[in-house]
Protein backbone atom coordinates (compact mmCIF):
# COMPACT_ATOMS: atom_id res chain seq x y z
CA MET A 1 0.04 0.17 0.12
CA SER A 2 1.30 3.18 -0.90
CA ALA A 3 1.66 6.33 1.53
CA ARG A 4 -1.23 8.31 -0.14
CA HIS A 5 -3.51 5.18 -0.21
CA GLY A 6 -2.93 5.06 3.55
CA VAL A 7 -3.31 8.82 3.91
CA LEU A 8 -6.79 8.58 1.53
CA CYS A 9 -7.81 5.44 3.73
CA SER A 10 -7.36 7.20 7.50
CA LEU A 11 -9.23 10.35 5.68
CA PHE A 12 -12.28 8.57 4.32
CA ALA A 13 -12.34 6.31 7.82
CA LEU A 14 -12.58 9.76 9.66
CA LEU A 15 -15.32 11.04 7.60
CA THR A 16 -17.02 8.08 7.86
CA ILE A 17 -16.86 8.25 11.52
CA ALA A 18 -17.79 11.73 11.81
CA SER A 19 -20.80 10.82 9.38
CA CYS A 20 -22.20 8.04 11.61
CA ALA A 21 -21.70 10.26 14.71
CA GLN A 22 -23.82 13.07 13.12
CA LEU A 23 -26.57 10.67 11.75
CA SER A 24 -26.73 9.24 15.49
CA LYS A 25 -27.00 12.59 17.21
CA ALA A 26 -29.91 13.57 14.45
CA ALA A 27 -31.44 10.28 15.09
CA GLU A 28 -31.53 11.06 18.97
CA GLY A 29 -33.12 14.45 18.63
CA ASP A 30 -32.77 17.88 19.63
CA ALA A 31 -34.10 18.33 23.37
CA THR A 32 -34.15 22.09 23.17
CA ARG A 33 -36.00 21.83 20.00
CA GLY A 34 -38.19 19.19 21.85
CA GLN A 35 -39.01 21.65 24.59
CA GLN A 36 -40.14 24.52 21.91
CA LEU A 37 -42.24 21.67 20.19
CA PHE A 38 -43.45 20.42 23.63
CA GLU A 39 -44.53 23.92 24.64
CA SER A 40 -46.04 24.65 21.33
CA ARG A 41 -48.04 21.45 20.19
CA CYS A 42 -48.30 19.56 23.79
CA THR A 43 -49.29 21.80 26.53
CA GLY A 44 -53.02 22.05 25.32
CA CYS A 45 -53.34 18.85 27.22
CA HIS A 46 -50.27 17.96 28.74
CA ALA A 47 -47.80 19.40 31.68
CA MET A 48 -44.52 18.23 33.16
CA ASN A 49 -45.51 18.63 36.48
CA GLU A 50 -49.58 18.09 36.65
CA ASN A 51 -52.10 15.91 35.55
CA ARG A 52 -54.48 17.73 32.76
CA ALA A 53 -56.56 16.29 30.00
CA GLY A 54 -53.62 14.04 29.60
CA PRO A 55 -51.19 12.87 32.15
CA LYS A 56 -48.23 14.81 33.50
CA LEU A 57 -45.03 13.88 31.77
CA LEU A 58 -42.00 14.39 34.01
CA GLY A 59 -40.60 11.39 34.34
CA VAL A 60 -42.29 9.71 31.37
CA TYR A 61 -39.63 8.02 29.77
CA GLY A 62 -38.89 4.81 31.52
CA ARG A 63 -42.18 4.74 32.96
CA THR A 64 -44.64 2.30 32.73
CA SER A 65 -48.08 3.18 30.58
CA GLY A 66 -50.91 3.79 32.50
CA THR A 67 -48.99 4.51 35.77
CA ALA A 68 -48.90 8.14 36.68
CA GLU A 69 -50.29 8.90 40.21
CA GLY A 70 -53.87 10.74 40.22
CA PHE A 71 -54.69 10.28 36.44
CA SER A 72 -57.48 8.70 35.27
CA TYR A 73 -56.15 6.28 32.47
CA SER A 74 -58.34 4.30 29.45
CA GLU A 75 -58.26 0.70 30.07
CA ALA A 76 -56.56 0.40 26.50
CA ILE A 77 -53.38 2.21 28.18
CA LYS A 78 -53.70 0.66 31.38
CA LYS A 79 -53.37 -2.89 30.39
CA ALA A 80 -50.83 -2.04 27.50
CA ALA A 81 -48.26 -1.47 30.27
CA ILE A 82 -45.67 -0.53 28.03
CA VAL A 83 -42.36 1.04 29.09
CA TRP A 84 -41.78 4.26 27.70
CA ASP A 85 -38.63 4.47 25.45
CA GLU A 86 -37.44 5.91 22.53
CA LYS A 87 -38.85 3.03 20.34
CA SER A 88 -42.38 2.73 22.25
CA LEU A 89 -42.78 6.93 22.26
CA ASN A 90 -41.83 7.02 18.71
CA LYS A 91 -44.76 4.71 17.94
CA TRP A 92 -46.86 6.24 19.99
CA LEU A 93 -46.32 9.64 18.64
CA THR A 94 -46.47 8.69 15.24
CA ASP A 95 -50.43 7.00 15.73
CA PRO A 96 -51.41 6.42 19.11
CA ASP A 97 -54.73 4.74 17.84
CA GLU A 98 -52.48 2.26 15.72
CA PHE A 99 -49.86 1.71 18.75
CA ILE A 100 -52.71 1.26 21.33
CA PRO A 101 -56.41 0.56 20.22
CA GLY A 102 -58.59 2.42 22.60
CA ASN A 103 -56.65 5.02 23.97
CA ALA A 104 -58.09 8.53 24.71
CA MET A 105 -55.34 10.48 23.06
CA ASP A 106 -56.08 12.11 19.52
CA PHE A 107 -52.74 13.79 18.66
CA SER A 108 -50.16 12.53 16.80
CA LEU A 109 -46.75 14.06 15.19
CA PRO A 110 -46.48 12.92 11.73
CA LYS A 111 -42.66 14.51 11.21
CA ALA A 112 -39.84 11.87 12.10
CA GLU A 113 -37.53 14.73 13.29
CA GLU A 114 -40.30 16.46 15.41
CA ARG A 115 -40.93 13.03 17.19
CA GLN A 116 -37.21 12.74 17.82
CA ASP A 117 -37.00 16.18 19.15
CA VAL A 118 -40.07 15.67 21.76
CA ILE A 119 -38.41 12.31 22.90
CA ALA A 120 -35.06 13.84 23.30
CA TYR A 121 -37.10 16.48 25.49
CA LEU A 122 -39.05 13.90 27.64
CA LYS A 123 -36.04 11.77 28.15
CA LYS A 124 -33.81 14.61 28.97
CA SER A 125 -36.46 16.01 31.38
CA SER A 126 -36.93 12.50 33.04
CA GLY A 127 -33.05 12.15 33.78
CA ARG A 128 -32.08 9.73 31.28
């Protein structure tokens, strides 16, 4: 292998690693944008520290569905017993009725990037 070939291979490897890191970060979402989206789209029904039309969401990441103290959940949510994480929150925010039929939430976030941002905010707010 020539020195030039070795340098090109090293450069390609560094660019690949940097590219993967950027894709990974994008897939994780941006908690700051997520907070802005939460405040503009979710606070009509949800708050972080109190139950409203929807349950309080502080600590939702890692919590089992239907277990926020003091909130009256649908039977579908209580029976689902889903632990809220990236995968389950993504499915939920994409189409709540498809993910858990019989639930009472009539809102979704159709854009994947917005879902990832909101999930990043909920995760960060939950200390994860």
